[in-house]
C-alpha atoms as a PDB file:
ATOM      1  CA  MET A   1     138.268  77.250  42.459  1.00  0.00           C
ATOM      2  CA  GLU A   2     140.983  75.565  44.632  1.00  0.00           C
ATOM      3  CA  LYS A   3     140.365  72.065  45.348  1.00  0.00           C
ATOM      4  CA  LYS A   4     140.663  72.461  48.902  1.00  0.00           C
ATOM      5  CA  HIS A   5     137.995  75.182  48.617  1.00  0.00           C
ATOM      6  CA  ILE A   6     135.856  72.496  46.384  1.00  0.00           C
ATOM      7  CA  GLY A   7     136.391  70.136  49.324  1.00  0.00           C
ATOM      8  CA  ILE A   8     135.229  72.563  52.118  1.00  0.00           C
ATOM      9  CA  LEU A   9     132.167  73.611  50.215  1.00  0.00           C
ATOM     10  CA  ALA A  10     131.346  69.738  49.807  1.00  0.00           C
ATOM     11  CA  VAL A  11     131.768  69.213  53.318  1.00  0.00           C
ATOM     12  CA  ILE A  12     129.830  71.926  54.415  1.00  0.00           C
ATOM     13  CA  LEU A  13     127.031  71.094  52.290  1.00  0.00           C
ATOM     14  CA  LEU A  14     127.132  66.906  53.080  1.00  0.00           C
ATOM     15  CA  PHE A  15     127.007  68.268  56.765  1.00  0.00           C
ATOM     16  CA  ASP A  16     124.276  70.718  56.333  1.00  0.00           C
ATOM     17  CA  GLN A  17     122.333  67.960  54.523  1.00  0.00           C
ATOM     18  CA  LEU A  18     123.251  65.002  56.655  1.00  0.00           C
ATOM     19  CA  THR A  19     122.007  66.696  59.777  1.00  0.00           C
ATOM     20  CA  LYS A  20     118.696  67.717  58.281  1.00  0.00           C
ATOM     21  CA  PHE A  21     118.290  64.450  56.885  1.00  0.00           C
ATOM     22  CA  ALA A  22     118.877  63.086  60.753  1.00  0.00           C
ATOM     23  CA  VAL A  23     116.800  65.522  62.290  1.00  0.00           C
ATOM     24  CA  ASP A  24     113.725  65.305  59.666  1.00  0.00           C
ATOM     25  CA  ALA A  25     114.351  61.309  60.205  1.00  0.00           C
ATOM     26  CA  CYS A  26     114.207  60.727  63.684  1.00  0.00           C
ATOM     27  CA  MET A  27     111.698  63.770  65.078  1.00  0.00           C
ATOM     28  CA  GLU A  28     108.445  64.725  64.747  1.00  0.00           C
ATOM     29  CA  LEU A  29     107.532  68.304  63.495  1.00  0.00           C
ATOM     30  CA  HIS A  30     107.838  70.662  66.222  1.00  0.00           C
ATOM     31  CA  GLN A  31     109.376  68.235  68.381  1.00  0.00           C
ATOM     32  CA  ARG A  32     111.530  69.483  71.151  1.00  0.00           C
ATOM     33  CA  ILE A  33     114.281  68.057  72.521  1.00  0.00           C
ATOM     34  CA  PRO A  34     116.423  69.963  75.861  1.00  0.00           C
ATOM     35  CA  VAL A  35     120.405  69.781  74.756  1.00  0.00           C
ATOM     36  CA  ILE A  36     121.268  72.382  77.656  1.00  0.00           C
ATOM     37  CA  ARG A  37     117.747  73.387  79.364  1.00  0.00           C
ATOM     38  CA  GLY A  38     116.742  76.728  79.495  1.00  0.00           C
ATOM     39  CA  LEU A  39     119.585  77.689  76.577  1.00  0.00           C
ATOM     40  CA  PHE A  40     119.872  75.185  73.745  1.00  0.00           C
ATOM     41  CA  PHE A  41     117.144  72.508  72.421  1.00  0.00           C
ATOM     42  CA  ILE A  42     116.940  70.564  69.125  1.00  0.00           C
ATOM     43  CA  THR A  43     113.426  71.788  67.625  1.00  0.00           C
ATOM     44  CA  TYR A  44     112.495  70.686  64.532  1.00  0.00           C
ATOM     45  CA  THR A  45     110.258  72.817  61.969  1.00  0.00           C
ATOM     46  CA  ARG A  46     110.158  73.894  58.690  1.00  0.00           C
ATOM     47  CA  ASN A  47     110.370  77.327  57.606  1.00  0.00           C
ATOM     48  CA  THR A  48     109.017  78.739  53.796  1.00  0.00           C
ATOM     49  CA  GLY A  49     110.377  81.854  54.453  1.00  0.00           C
ATOM     50  CA  ALA A  50     113.528  83.569  56.250  1.00  0.00           C
ATOM     51  CA  ALA A  51     114.699  84.624  59.305  1.00  0.00           C
ATOM     52  CA  TRP A  52     111.373  84.834  61.576  1.00  0.00           C
ATOM     53  CA  SER A  53     109.445  83.324  58.604  1.00  0.00           C
ATOM     54  CA  ILE A  54     109.313  86.648  56.792  1.00  0.00           C
ATOM     55  CA  LEU A  55     108.103  86.797  53.192  1.00  0.00           C
ATOM     56  CA  GLU A  56     107.153  83.331  53.861  1.00  0.00           C
ATOM     57  CA  GLY A  57     105.870  81.234  51.237  1.00  0.00           C
ATOM     58  CA  ARG A  58     107.787  83.289  48.506  1.00  0.00           C
ATOM     59  CA  MET A  59     109.849  80.547  46.935  1.00  0.00           C
ATOM     60  CA  ILE A  60     110.484  81.861  43.384  1.00  0.00           C
ATOM     61  CA  PHE A  61     111.840  85.255  45.676  1.00  0.00           C
ATOM     62  CA  PHE A  62     114.121  82.380  47.360  1.00  0.00           C
ATOM     63  CA  TYR A  63     115.054  80.815  44.093  1.00  0.00           C
ATOM     64  CA  LEU A  64     116.147  83.961  42.817  1.00  0.00           C
ATOM     65  CA  ILE A  65     117.658  85.747  45.531  1.00  0.00           C
ATOM     66  CA  THR A  66     120.408  82.704  46.358  1.00  0.00           C
ATOM     67  CA  ILE A  67     121.483  82.027  42.369  1.00  0.00           C
ATOM     68  CA  ALA A  68     122.099  85.823  42.246  1.00  0.00           C
ATOM     69  CA  ALA A  69     123.927  85.779  45.483  1.00  0.00           C
ATOM     70  CA  VAL A  70     125.422  82.739  44.781  1.00  0.00           C
ATOM     71  CA  VAL A  71     126.421  83.689  41.136  1.00  0.00           C
ATOM     72  CA  GLY A  72     128.058  87.131  42.763  1.00  0.00           C
ATOM     73  CA  LEU A  73     130.008  85.151  45.636  1.00  0.00           C
ATOM     74  CA  TRP A  74     131.271  83.524  43.149  1.00  0.00           C
ATOM     75  CA  PHE A  75     132.622  86.345  41.089  1.00  0.00           C
ATOM     76  CA  PHE A  76     134.165  87.694  44.157  1.00  0.00           C
ATOM     77  CA  TYR A  77     135.451  84.757  44.779  1.00  0.00           C
ATOM     78  CA  LYS A  78     137.197  84.694  41.214  1.00  0.00           C
ATOM     79  CA  ASN A  79     138.300  88.339  41.580  1.00  0.00           C
ATOM     80  CA  THR A  80     140.358  87.649  45.028  1.00  0.00           C
ATOM     81  CA  GLN A  81     143.985  86.417  44.758  1.00  0.00           C
ATOM     82  CA  MET A  82     145.276  83.330  45.941  1.00  0.00           C
ATOM     83  CA  GLU A  83     146.907  85.668  49.335  1.00  0.00           C
ATOM     84  CA  GLU A  84     143.793  86.423  50.451  1.00  0.00           C
ATOM     85  CA  ARG A  85     142.395  83.093  52.404  1.00  0.00           C
ATOM     86  CA  TRP A  86     140.010  84.639  54.880  1.00  0.00           C
ATOM     87  CA  THR A  87     138.385  86.349  52.355  1.00  0.00           C
ATOM     88  CA  ARG A  88     137.969  82.953  50.559  1.00  0.00           C
ATOM     89  CA  LEU A  89     136.964  81.096  52.659  1.00  0.00           C
ATOM     90  CA  ALA A  90     134.430  83.503  54.035  1.00  0.00           C
ATOM     91  CA  ILE A  91     133.244  83.638  50.652  1.00  0.00           C
ATOM     92  CA  ILE A  92     133.303  79.885  50.650  1.00  0.00           C
ATOM     93  CA  PHE A  93     131.098  79.345  54.102  1.00  0.00           C
ATOM     94  CA  MET A  94     128.750  82.081  52.892  1.00  0.00           C
ATOM     95  CA  MET A  95     128.249  80.093  49.489  1.00  0.00           C
ATOM     96  CA  GLY A  96     128.186  76.823  50.988  1.00  0.00           C
ATOM     97  CA  GLY A  97     125.319  78.188  53.689  1.00  0.00           C
ATOM     98  CA  ALA A  98     123.308  79.316  50.850  1.00  0.00           C
ATOM     99  CA  LEU A  99     123.355  76.308  48.461  1.00  0.00           C
ATOM    100  CA  GLY A 100     122.577  73.817  51.900  1.00  0.00           C
ATOM    101  CA  ASN A 101     119.099  76.011  52.224  1.00  0.00           C
ATOM    102  CA  PHE A 102     118.666  76.080  48.584  1.00  0.00           C
ATOM    103  CA  ILE A 103     118.626  72.539  48.303  1.00  0.00           C
ATOM    104  CA  ASP A 104     116.259  72.475  50.807  1.00  0.00           C
ATOM    105  CA  ARG A 105     113.812  74.861  48.978  1.00  0.00           C
ATOM    106  CA  LEU A 106     114.144  73.046  45.662  1.00  0.00           C
ATOM    107  CA  LEU A 107     113.514  69.546  46.826  1.00  0.00           C
ATOM    108  CA  PHE A 108     111.113  70.310  49.889  1.00  0.00           C
ATOM    109  CA  GLN A 109     109.854  74.044  49.038  1.00  0.00           C
ATOM    110  CA  TYR A 110     110.982  74.654  52.661  1.00  0.00           C
ATOM    111  CA  VAL A 111     113.763  74.970  54.682  1.00  0.00           C
ATOM    112  CA  ARG A 112     114.196  72.339  57.545  1.00  0.00           C
ATOM    113  CA  ASP A 113     115.455  74.214  61.158  1.00  0.00           C
ATOM    114  CA  PHE A 114     116.122  72.478  64.345  1.00  0.00           C
ATOM    115  CA  LEU A 115     118.997  74.734  66.252  1.00  0.00           C
ATOM    116  CA  ASP A 116     117.159  76.180  68.971  1.00  0.00           C
ATOM    117  CA  VAL A 117     118.663  79.257  71.365  1.00  0.00           C
ATOM    118  CA  ILE A 118     117.408  80.728  73.766  1.00  0.00           C
ATOM    119  CA  ILE A 119     120.042  83.938  75.450  1.00  0.00           C
ATOM    120  CA  PHE A 120     118.735  86.009  77.925  1.00  0.00           C
ATOM    121  CA  GLY A 121     114.956  85.272  77.621  1.00  0.00           C
ATOM    122  CA  TYR A 122     115.475  85.706  73.986  1.00  0.00           C
ATOM    123  CA  ASP A 123     114.321  82.367  71.619  1.00  0.00           C
ATOM    124  CA  PHE A 124     115.957  83.170  68.685  1.00  0.00           C
ATOM    125  CA  PRO A 125     114.432  82.236  64.913  1.00  0.00           C
ATOM    126  CA  ILE A 126     115.421  78.176  64.722  1.00  0.00           C
ATOM    127  CA  PHE A 127     118.221  77.673  62.497  1.00  0.00           C
ATOM    128  CA  ASN A 128     120.129  75.310  60.288  1.00  0.00           C
ATOM    129  CA  VAL A 129     124.227  74.375  59.669  1.00  0.00           C
ATOM    130  CA  ALA A 130     123.543  76.248  56.613  1.00  0.00           C
ATOM    131  CA  ASP A 131     123.073  79.454  58.713  1.00  0.00           C
ATOM    132  CA  CYS A 132     125.824  78.834  60.752  1.00  0.00           C
ATOM    133  CA  PHE A 133     128.278  78.179  57.885  1.00  0.00           C
ATOM    134  CA  LEU A 134     126.691  81.028  56.393  1.00  0.00           C
ATOM    135  CA  CYS A 135     126.687  83.576  59.362  1.00  0.00           C
ATOM    136  CA  ILE A 136     130.262  82.620  60.147  1.00  0.00           C
ATOM    137  CA  GLY A 137     131.257  83.458  56.919  1.00  0.00           C
ATOM    138  CA  VAL A 138     130.191  86.952  57.126  1.00  0.00           C
ATOM    139  CA  GLY A 139     131.551  87.406  60.291  1.00  0.00           C
ATOM    140  CA  LEU A 140     135.045  86.269  59.061  1.00  0.00           C
ATOM    141  CA  LEU A 141     134.506  88.642  55.965  1.00  0.00           C
ATOM    142  CA  LEU A 142     133.772  91.170  58.412  1.00  0.00           C
ATOM    143  CA  LEU A 143     136.873  90.645  60.699  1.00  0.00           C
ATOM    144  CA  ASP A 144     139.139  90.585  57.963  1.00  0.00           C
ATOM    145  CA  ILE A 145     138.405  93.786  56.329  1.00  0.00           C
ATOM    146  CA  LEU A 146     138.496  95.215  60.049  1.00  0.00           C
ATOM    147  CA  LEU A 147     141.989  93.633  60.733  1.00  0.00           C
ATOM    148  CA  GLU A 148     142.606  94.289  56.987  1.00  0.00           C
ATOM    149  CA  HIS A 149     141.697  98.387  57.939  1.00  0.00           C
ATOM    150  CA  MET A 150     143.545  98.565  60.991  1.00  0.00           C
ATOM    151  CA  GLY A 151     147.013  97.081  59.069  1.00  0.00           C
ATOM    152  CA  VAL A 152     146.796  93.973  61.050  1.00  0.00           C
ATOM    153  CA  ILE A 153     147.174  92.064  57.912  1.00  0.00           C
ATOM    154  CA  ARG A 154     148.061  92.840  54.342  1.00  0.00           C
ATOM    155  CA  THR A 155     147.254  91.948  51.157  1.00  0.00           C
END
């Protein structure tokens, strides 16, 4: 893995864990702080499942899935060319997101979530920085594939 990608991965993990630590240290469980009224809140929750608490309490399943995902992403990364910068960055973001939540599951048996968004009256599942990087990585990968398919990017 390139040194800059190791650095990016380390920054993602550090940022994720520091934000979770800050929320855990400064807020009570289920406390809600409005940031943008009616749209964005900091709401501290602990999730033993995935989004919407799917598969709640199935830690061994999440351990195995995360390990498989990270190993798969590692092989995907190793099989990309150095010139495939956006693909590699997307993979690093996804690995960072997966590992950030994996750390929580290993240490606490739950994931610390706190980013709470309501758009057009829909209250999305509360998430965290690791989830953001995972989603951004998926989005970057899809965009890269789309642009390559359209002929905008040539690898």
